[in-house]
N, C-alpha and C. Protein backbone atom coordinates (compact mmCIF):
# COMPACT_ATOMS: atom_id res chain seq x y z
N MET A 1 -33.39 24.65 -3.36
CA MET A 1 -33.63 24.42 -1.86
C MET A 1 -32.49 23.40 -1.44
N ALA A 2 -31.76 23.59 -0.30
CA ALA A 2 -30.99 22.54 -0.06
C ALA A 2 -30.79 21.24 0.08
N TYR A 3 -30.03 20.41 -0.09
CA TYR A 3 -29.91 19.08 0.08
C TYR A 3 -29.69 18.85 1.64
N SER A 4 -30.93 18.04 2.17
CA SER A 4 -30.80 18.19 3.63
C SER A 4 -30.52 16.84 3.96
N ALA A 5 -30.56 16.67 5.46
CA ALA A 5 -30.11 14.95 6.35
C ALA A 5 -31.41 14.59 5.91
N LYS A 6 -32.69 14.86 5.93
CA LYS A 6 -33.99 14.28 5.41
C LYS A 6 -33.54 13.72 4.22
N ASN A 7 -33.21 14.30 3.34
CA ASN A 7 -33.32 14.05 2.13
C ASN A 7 -32.06 12.80 1.83
N LEU A 8 -31.07 12.94 2.71
CA LEU A 8 -29.96 11.92 2.75
C LEU A 8 -30.63 10.85 3.21
N SER A 9 -31.55 10.53 4.21
CA SER A 9 -32.00 9.25 5.06
C SER A 9 -32.91 8.85 4.06
N GLU A 10 -33.79 9.83 3.22
CA GLU A 10 -34.63 9.25 2.54
C GLU A 10 -33.99 8.63 1.39
N ASP A 11 -32.80 8.78 0.61
CA ASP A 11 -32.16 8.38 -0.50
C ASP A 11 -31.19 6.80 -0.07
N LEU A 12 -31.00 7.11 1.26
CA LEU A 12 -30.24 6.12 1.79
C LEU A 12 -31.21 4.61 2.00
N GLY A 13 -32.44 5.24 2.46
CA GLY A 13 -33.65 4.19 2.86
C GLY A 13 -34.17 3.21 1.61
N LYS A 14 -34.29 4.13 0.61
CA LYS A 14 -34.76 3.64 -0.71
C LYS A 14 -33.55 2.80 -1.08
N GLU A 15 -32.22 3.33 -1.01
CA GLU A 15 -31.30 1.96 -1.72
C GLU A 15 -31.05 0.87 -1.02
N MET A 16 -31.40 1.00 0.71
CA MET A 16 -31.54 0.02 1.28
C MET A 16 -32.82 -1.03 1.22
N GLU A 17 -33.78 -0.73 0.73
CA GLU A 17 -34.79 -1.61 0.09
C GLU A 17 -34.40 -2.69 -0.68
N HIS A 18 -33.46 -2.44 -1.44
CA HIS A 18 -32.86 -3.35 -2.26
C HIS A 18 -32.15 -4.17 -1.68
N GLY A 19 -31.62 -4.29 -0.45
CA GLY A 19 -30.76 -5.05 0.14
C GLY A 19 -29.55 -4.24 0.29
N TYR A 20 -28.54 -4.48 1.19
CA TYR A 20 -27.44 -3.67 1.31
C TYR A 20 -26.59 -4.20 0.70
N ARG A 21 -25.75 -2.96 0.18
CA ARG A 21 -24.56 -3.69 -0.44
C ARG A 21 -23.68 -1.95 -0.78
N ALA A 22 -22.54 -2.32 0.20
CA ALA A 22 -21.64 -1.23 0.56
C ALA A 22 -21.06 -0.48 -1.17
N SER A 23 -21.19 -1.08 -1.76
CA SER A 23 -20.66 -0.66 -3.25
C SER A 23 -21.55 0.12 -3.74
N LYS A 24 -22.74 0.14 -3.76
CA LYS A 24 -23.95 0.57 -4.33
C LYS A 24 -24.26 2.08 -3.27
N VAL A 25 -24.21 1.73 -2.23
CA VAL A 25 -24.67 2.72 -1.27
C VAL A 25 -23.43 4.06 -1.27
N ALA A 26 -21.97 3.74 -1.64
CA ALA A 26 -20.77 4.41 -1.70
C ALA A 26 -20.81 5.27 -3.24
N LYS A 27 -21.41 4.73 -4.43
CA LYS A 27 -21.77 4.99 -5.36
C LYS A 27 -22.68 6.23 -5.20
N LEU A 28 -23.71 5.63 -4.74
CA LEU A 28 -24.84 6.73 -4.49
C LEU A 28 -24.46 8.03 -3.84
N ALA A 29 -23.69 7.87 -2.41
CA ALA A 29 -23.16 8.87 -2.16
C ALA A 29 -22.05 9.65 -2.78
N SER A 30 -21.16 9.26 -3.60
CA SER A 30 -20.88 9.64 -4.58
C SER A 30 -21.49 10.53 -5.39
N GLN A 31 -22.55 10.22 -6.18
CA GLN A 31 -23.38 11.10 -6.96
C GLN A 31 -24.00 11.73 -6.46
N ILE A 32 -24.61 11.81 -5.30
CA ILE A 32 -25.21 12.74 -4.42
C ILE A 32 -24.18 14.01 -4.08
N HIS A 33 -23.09 13.86 -3.65
CA HIS A 33 -22.05 14.67 -3.42
C HIS A 33 -21.79 15.33 -4.59
N HIS A 34 -21.55 15.05 -5.27
CA HIS A 34 -21.26 15.53 -6.75
C HIS A 34 -22.32 16.83 -7.30
N ASN A 35 -23.41 16.14 -7.33
CA ASN A 35 -24.80 16.60 -7.31
C ASN A 35 -25.21 18.23 -6.78
N HIS A 36 -24.88 17.87 -5.62
CA HIS A 36 -25.00 18.86 -4.39
C HIS A 36 -24.17 19.30 -3.36
N ARG A 37 -22.64 19.30 -4.07
CA ARG A 37 -21.48 19.84 -3.11
C ARG A 37 -21.97 21.14 -3.25
N ARG A 38 -22.37 21.90 -3.32
CA ARG A 38 -22.59 23.38 -3.34
C ARG A 38 -23.34 23.66 -2.41
N GLU A 39 -24.36 22.78 -2.16
CA GLU A 39 -25.53 23.35 -0.99
C GLU A 39 -25.45 22.04 0.42
N LEU A 40 -24.44 21.58 0.61
CA LEU A 40 -24.38 20.57 1.45
C LEU A 40 -23.60 21.50 2.86
N SER A 41 -24.26 21.04 4.29
CA SER A 41 -23.66 21.17 5.38
C SER A 41 -22.34 20.72 5.40
N ARG A 42 -21.47 21.12 6.33
CA ARG A 42 -20.48 20.55 6.68
C ARG A 42 -21.18 19.00 7.27
N TYR A 43 -22.04 18.92 8.17
CA TYR A 43 -22.55 17.70 8.67
C TYR A 43 -22.41 16.73 7.21
N LEU A 44 -23.36 17.14 6.45
CA LEU A 44 -24.00 16.37 5.51
C LEU A 44 -22.51 16.04 4.56
N ASP A 45 -21.55 16.94 4.13
CA ASP A 45 -20.36 16.93 3.19
C ASP A 45 -19.39 15.71 4.00
N CYS A 46 -19.27 15.70 5.21
CA CYS A 46 -18.55 14.69 6.05
C CYS A 46 -19.36 13.22 6.29
N LYS A 47 -20.58 13.27 6.24
CA LYS A 47 -21.27 12.00 6.35
C LYS A 47 -21.11 11.44 4.39
N LEU A 48 -21.49 12.11 3.59
CA LEU A 48 -21.24 11.48 2.56
C LEU A 48 -19.61 11.48 2.21
N MET A 49 -19.03 11.91 2.39
CA MET A 49 -17.49 11.72 2.21
C MET A 49 -17.12 10.09 2.87
N GLN A 50 -17.74 9.96 4.16
CA GLN A 50 -17.36 9.02 4.64
C GLN A 50 -17.84 7.54 3.98
N LEU A 51 -19.16 7.82 3.38
CA LEU A 51 -19.48 6.74 2.45
C LEU A 51 -19.20 6.15 1.44
N THR A 52 -18.70 7.50 0.41
CA THR A 52 -18.02 7.51 -0.48
C THR A 52 -16.89 7.02 -0.43
N ALA A 53 -15.82 6.90 1.01
CA ALA A 53 -14.91 6.17 1.35
C ALA A 53 -14.90 4.92 1.22
N MET A 54 -16.20 4.38 1.22
CA MET A 54 -16.41 2.59 1.45
C MET A 54 -16.19 2.09 0.23
N GLU A 55 -15.86 2.87 -1.10
CA GLU A 55 -14.93 2.37 -2.39
C GLU A 55 -13.83 1.78 -2.12
N GLU A 56 -12.93 2.42 -1.23
CA GLU A 56 -11.86 2.21 -1.01
C GLU A 56 -11.57 0.63 -0.34
N GLY A 57 -12.25 0.16 0.25
CA GLY A 57 -12.13 -1.22 0.55
C GLY A 57 -12.82 -1.45 1.78
N PRO A 58 -12.93 -2.92 2.37
CA PRO A 58 -14.12 -3.33 3.18
C PRO A 58 -13.86 -2.94 5.08
N GLU A 59 -12.29 -2.07 5.18
CA GLU A 59 -11.98 -1.66 6.31
C GLU A 59 -12.54 -0.22 6.40
N PHE A 60 -13.28 0.12 5.72
CA PHE A 60 -13.95 1.81 5.70
C PHE A 60 -15.59 1.47 5.07
N GLU A 61 -15.88 0.34 5.21
CA GLU A 61 -17.32 -0.18 5.28
C GLU A 61 -17.94 0.01 6.07
N PHE A 62 -19.26 0.50 5.94
CA PHE A 62 -20.19 0.31 7.37
C PHE A 62 -21.06 -0.77 7.13
N SER A 63 -21.34 -1.43 8.14
CA SER A 63 -21.94 -2.83 8.56
C SER A 63 -23.61 -2.22 8.13
N GLU A 64 -24.24 -3.32 7.71
CA GLU A 64 -25.58 -2.86 7.50
C GLU A 64 -26.45 -2.08 8.92
N GLY A 65 -25.83 -2.91 10.32
CA GLY A 65 -26.15 -1.86 11.21
C GLY A 65 -26.08 -0.61 11.42
N GLU A 66 -24.81 -0.40 11.24
CA GLU A 66 -24.33 1.10 11.29
C GLU A 66 -24.68 1.75 10.03
N MET A 67 -25.35 1.31 9.06
CA MET A 67 -26.22 2.17 8.07
C MET A 67 -27.41 2.67 8.39
N ARG A 68 -28.36 1.21 9.14
CA ARG A 68 -29.13 1.79 9.60
C ARG A 68 -29.42 2.82 11.02
N HIS A 69 -28.35 2.82 11.46
CA HIS A 69 -28.17 3.64 12.75
C HIS A 69 -27.62 5.10 12.06
N LEU A 70 -27.32 5.17 11.03
CA LEU A 70 -27.17 6.39 10.47
C LEU A 70 -28.16 7.01 9.70
N ILE A 71 -29.09 6.23 9.03
CA ILE A 71 -30.27 6.67 8.51
C ILE A 71 -31.09 7.33 9.49
N SER A 72 -31.22 6.32 10.85
CA SER A 72 -31.76 7.04 11.70
C SER A 72 -31.27 8.19 12.50
N GLU A 73 -29.96 8.14 12.41
CA GLU A 73 -29.63 9.71 13.05
C GLU A 73 -29.83 10.62 12.11
N LEU A 74 -29.73 10.51 10.75
CA LEU A 74 -30.23 11.64 9.56
C LEU A 74 -31.26 12.07 9.84
N ARG A 75 -32.23 11.31 9.93
CA ARG A 75 -33.51 11.51 10.28
C ARG A 75 -33.86 12.59 11.47
N SER A 76 -33.14 12.66 12.37
CA SER A 76 -33.67 13.12 13.97
C SER A 76 -32.08 14.23 13.55
N HIS A 77 -31.87 14.43 12.92
CA HIS A 77 -30.77 15.66 12.21
C HIS A 77 -31.44 16.98 11.97
């Protein structure tokens, strides 16, 4: 079964329950990308790469509001 946008929204939502920390989300995204890279749609691959890039510095970090918006977008995708 392919990893879906719904799966990603659920995983990100669970991480957000512990409070938003960009470094934790970036690490989670990197792990998901590594574990599911062969079954990802282009859309999910792009979103996971954007999230992983947050490790590169604050200029790449999503705000908490942007993260919540992304989770909502993923749920409806």
